[in-house]
Amino acid sequence: MAVSSESLLRDALELSAGERAVLVDELLESLGKPDPKIEAQWLKEAEERLAAYRRGKLEAYDVDEVFAELGKSD
């Protein structure tokens, strides 16, 4: 039985914010091969942020809390 895109979307919207972010990333990646230069820059940025976090120079936030805050209407 084929699954419709509407059904997939309904199921995807039931995922947590973090799971949806991973899904979006994987879907976007499937559309084309990433540029190795950009990927290298993102890797460097991620490593620098992790190092800053470990040194206590960068705060971490729970992804579900961030998305909940972003979803609030003012």
N, C-alpha and C. Protein backbone atom coordinates (compact mmCIF):
# COMPACT_ATOMS: atom_id res chain seq x y z
N MET A 1 0.83 -1.17 0.00
CA MET A 1 0.00 0.00 0.00
C MET A 1 0.88 1.25 0.00
N ALA A 2 0.59 2.18 -0.89
CA ALA A 2 1.37 3.41 -0.97
C ALA A 2 0.95 4.37 0.13
N VAL A 3 1.90 5.09 0.65
CA VAL A 3 1.65 6.08 1.69
C VAL A 3 1.60 7.45 1.03
N SER A 4 0.57 8.23 1.34
CA SER A 4 0.44 9.55 0.74
C SER A 4 1.32 10.56 1.46
N SER A 5 1.64 11.63 0.78
CA SER A 5 2.46 12.68 1.40
C SER A 5 1.70 13.33 2.56
N GLU A 6 0.37 13.39 2.45
CA GLU A 6 -0.43 13.96 3.55
C GLU A 6 -0.31 13.10 4.80
N SER A 7 -0.33 11.78 4.61
CA SER A 7 -0.19 10.86 5.73
C SER A 7 1.20 10.98 6.36
N LEU A 8 2.21 11.06 5.51
CA LEU A 8 3.57 11.23 6.02
C LEU A 8 3.71 12.53 6.81
N LEU A 9 3.12 13.60 6.28
CA LEU A 9 3.20 14.89 6.97
C LEU A 9 2.52 14.82 8.33
N ARG A 10 1.33 14.22 8.39
CA ARG A 10 0.63 14.08 9.68
C ARG A 10 1.50 13.32 10.68
N ASP A 11 2.11 12.23 10.22
CA ASP A 11 2.98 11.45 11.11
C ASP A 11 4.20 12.26 11.54
N ALA A 12 4.79 12.98 10.59
CA ALA A 12 5.99 13.77 10.89
C ALA A 12 5.69 14.86 11.91
N LEU A 13 4.52 15.46 11.82
CA LEU A 13 4.16 16.54 12.75
C LEU A 13 3.94 16.03 14.17
N GLU A 14 3.82 14.74 14.34
CA GLU A 14 3.68 14.16 15.68
C GLU A 14 5.04 13.91 16.34
N LEU A 15 6.12 14.05 15.58
CA LEU A 15 7.47 13.86 16.12
C LEU A 15 7.84 15.04 16.99
N SER A 16 8.83 14.84 17.85
CA SER A 16 9.35 15.95 18.65
C SER A 16 10.04 16.95 17.73
N ALA A 17 10.28 18.14 18.22
CA ALA A 17 10.95 19.16 17.42
C ALA A 17 12.33 18.68 16.96
N GLY A 18 13.05 18.03 17.83
CA GLY A 18 14.38 17.53 17.46
C GLY A 18 14.31 16.46 16.38
N GLU A 19 13.34 15.56 16.50
CA GLU A 19 13.17 14.52 15.49
C GLU A 19 12.76 15.12 14.15
N ARG A 20 11.91 16.15 14.19
CA ARG A 20 11.51 16.82 12.94
C ARG A 20 12.71 17.51 12.30
N ALA A 21 13.57 18.12 13.11
CA ALA A 21 14.75 18.79 12.57
C ALA A 21 15.67 17.79 11.87
N VAL A 22 15.85 16.64 12.47
CA VAL A 22 16.68 15.59 11.85
C VAL A 22 16.05 15.14 10.55
N LEU A 23 14.74 14.94 10.56
CA LEU A 23 14.02 14.51 9.36
C LEU A 23 14.17 15.54 8.24
N VAL A 24 13.99 16.81 8.57
CA VAL A 24 14.14 17.88 7.57
C VAL A 24 15.54 17.88 7.00
N ASP A 25 16.53 17.76 7.87
CA ASP A 25 17.92 17.75 7.42
C ASP A 25 18.17 16.60 6.45
N GLU A 26 17.67 15.43 6.79
CA GLU A 26 17.87 14.26 5.92
C GLU A 26 17.13 14.41 4.60
N LEU A 27 15.92 14.97 4.64
CA LEU A 27 15.18 15.19 3.40
C LEU A 27 15.89 16.19 2.49
N LEU A 28 16.36 17.29 3.09
CA LEU A 28 17.08 18.28 2.30
C LEU A 28 18.36 17.71 1.72
N GLU A 29 19.04 16.91 2.51
CA GLU A 29 20.28 16.29 2.04
C GLU A 29 20.00 15.35 0.86
N SER A 30 18.84 14.73 0.86
CA SER A 30 18.50 13.80 -0.22
C SER A 30 18.25 14.51 -1.55
N LEU A 31 18.03 15.82 -1.50
CA LEU A 31 17.75 16.58 -2.72
C LEU A 31 19.00 16.90 -3.53
N GLY A 32 20.12 16.84 -2.90
CA GLY A 32 21.35 17.12 -3.61
C GLY A 32 22.56 16.87 -2.75
N LYS A 33 23.66 16.65 -3.40
CA LYS A 33 24.90 16.38 -2.68
C LYS A 33 25.41 17.67 -2.05
N PRO A 34 25.73 17.62 -0.75
CA PRO A 34 26.24 18.81 -0.07
C PRO A 34 27.59 19.26 -0.65
N ASP A 35 27.81 20.54 -0.60
CA ASP A 35 29.08 21.12 -1.03
C ASP A 35 30.13 20.80 0.04
N PRO A 36 31.22 20.11 -0.32
CA PRO A 36 32.23 19.73 0.68
C PRO A 36 32.83 20.92 1.42
N LYS A 37 32.97 22.06 0.75
CA LYS A 37 33.52 23.26 1.41
C LYS A 37 32.57 23.76 2.50
N ILE A 38 31.29 23.77 2.19
CA ILE A 38 30.31 24.23 3.17
C ILE A 38 30.23 23.24 4.33
N GLU A 39 30.23 21.96 4.01
CA GLU A 39 30.20 20.93 5.05
C GLU A 39 31.41 21.06 5.98
N ALA A 40 32.58 21.36 5.42
CA ALA A 40 33.80 21.53 6.23
C ALA A 40 33.66 22.75 7.14
N GLN A 41 33.05 23.81 6.63
CA GLN A 41 32.85 25.01 7.45
C GLN A 41 31.88 24.73 8.59
N TRP A 42 30.79 23.99 8.30
CA TRP A 42 29.84 23.64 9.36
C TRP A 42 30.49 22.74 10.40
N LEU A 43 31.32 21.80 9.97
CA LEU A 43 32.02 20.93 10.91
C LEU A 43 32.93 21.74 11.82
N LYS A 44 33.67 22.68 11.24
CA LYS A 44 34.55 23.53 12.04
C LYS A 44 33.74 24.35 13.04
N GLU A 45 32.63 24.91 12.59
CA GLU A 45 31.76 25.70 13.48
C GLU A 45 31.23 24.84 14.63
N ALA A 46 30.77 23.63 14.31
CA ALA A 46 30.25 22.72 15.33
C ALA A 46 31.33 22.36 16.34
N GLU A 47 32.53 22.08 15.86
CA GLU A 47 33.63 21.73 16.77
C GLU A 47 33.99 22.90 17.67
N GLU A 48 33.98 24.12 17.10
CA GLU A 48 34.28 25.31 17.90
C GLU A 48 33.21 25.56 18.96
N ARG A 49 31.95 25.36 18.59
CA ARG A 49 30.86 25.54 19.55
C ARG A 49 30.93 24.50 20.66
N LEU A 50 31.23 23.25 20.31
CA LEU A 50 31.35 22.21 21.32
C LEU A 50 32.50 22.52 22.28
N ALA A 51 33.62 22.97 21.73
CA ALA A 51 34.76 23.32 22.58
C ALA A 51 34.40 24.48 23.51
N ALA A 52 33.69 25.48 23.00
CA ALA A 52 33.27 26.62 23.82
C ALA A 52 32.30 26.16 24.92
N TYR A 53 31.40 25.26 24.58
CA TYR A 53 30.46 24.72 25.57
C TYR A 53 31.23 23.99 26.68
N ARG A 54 32.18 23.18 26.28
CA ARG A 54 32.96 22.41 27.27
C ARG A 54 33.80 23.32 28.16
N ARG A 55 34.22 24.47 27.65
CA ARG A 55 34.98 25.44 28.45
C ARG A 55 34.06 26.30 29.32
N GLY A 56 32.74 26.12 29.16
CA GLY A 56 31.79 26.92 29.93
C GLY A 56 31.54 28.29 29.34
N LYS A 57 31.94 28.49 28.10
CA LYS A 57 31.77 29.79 27.43
C LYS A 57 30.50 29.87 26.61
N LEU A 58 29.79 28.75 26.49
CA LEU A 58 28.58 28.70 25.66
C LEU A 58 27.53 27.89 26.40
N GLU A 59 26.33 28.46 26.50
CA GLU A 59 25.23 27.79 27.18
C GLU A 59 24.52 26.84 26.22
N ALA A 60 23.93 25.79 26.76
CA ALA A 60 23.14 24.86 25.95
C ALA A 60 21.67 24.97 26.37
N TYR A 61 20.79 24.77 25.40
CA TYR A 61 19.35 24.83 25.64
C TYR A 61 18.70 23.57 25.09
N ASP A 62 17.67 23.09 25.77
CA ASP A 62 16.92 21.93 25.30
C ASP A 62 16.16 22.31 24.03
N VAL A 63 16.30 21.50 22.99
CA VAL A 63 15.72 21.83 21.69
C VAL A 63 14.20 21.96 21.76
N ASP A 64 13.53 21.13 22.54
CA ASP A 64 12.08 21.22 22.65
C ASP A 64 11.66 22.54 23.30
N GLU A 65 12.45 23.00 24.29
CA GLU A 65 12.15 24.28 24.92
C GLU A 65 12.36 25.44 23.95
N VAL A 66 13.41 25.37 23.15
CA VAL A 66 13.68 26.42 22.17
C VAL A 66 12.53 26.51 21.17
N PHE A 67 12.12 25.38 20.61
CA PHE A 67 11.04 25.39 19.63
C PHE A 67 9.71 25.80 20.28
N ALA A 68 9.50 25.43 21.52
CA ALA A 68 8.28 25.85 22.21
C ALA A 68 8.26 27.36 22.36
N GLU A 69 9.40 27.92 22.73
CA GLU A 69 9.51 29.37 22.87
C GLU A 69 9.31 30.07 21.53
N LEU A 70 9.86 29.52 20.48
CA LEU A 70 9.70 30.10 19.14
C LEU A 70 8.25 30.03 18.68
N GLY A 71 7.52 29.02 19.14
CA GLY A 71 6.14 28.84 18.72
C GLY A 71 5.15 29.73 19.45
N LYS A 72 5.60 30.39 20.52
CA LYS A 72 4.71 31.29 21.26
C LYS A 72 4.39 32.50 20.41
N SER A 73 3.13 32.92 20.42
CA SER A 73 2.77 34.14 19.71
C SER A 73 2.71 35.30 20.69
N ASP A 74 3.22 36.41 20.24
CA ASP A 74 3.25 37.61 21.09
C ASP A 74 2.04 38.47 20.87
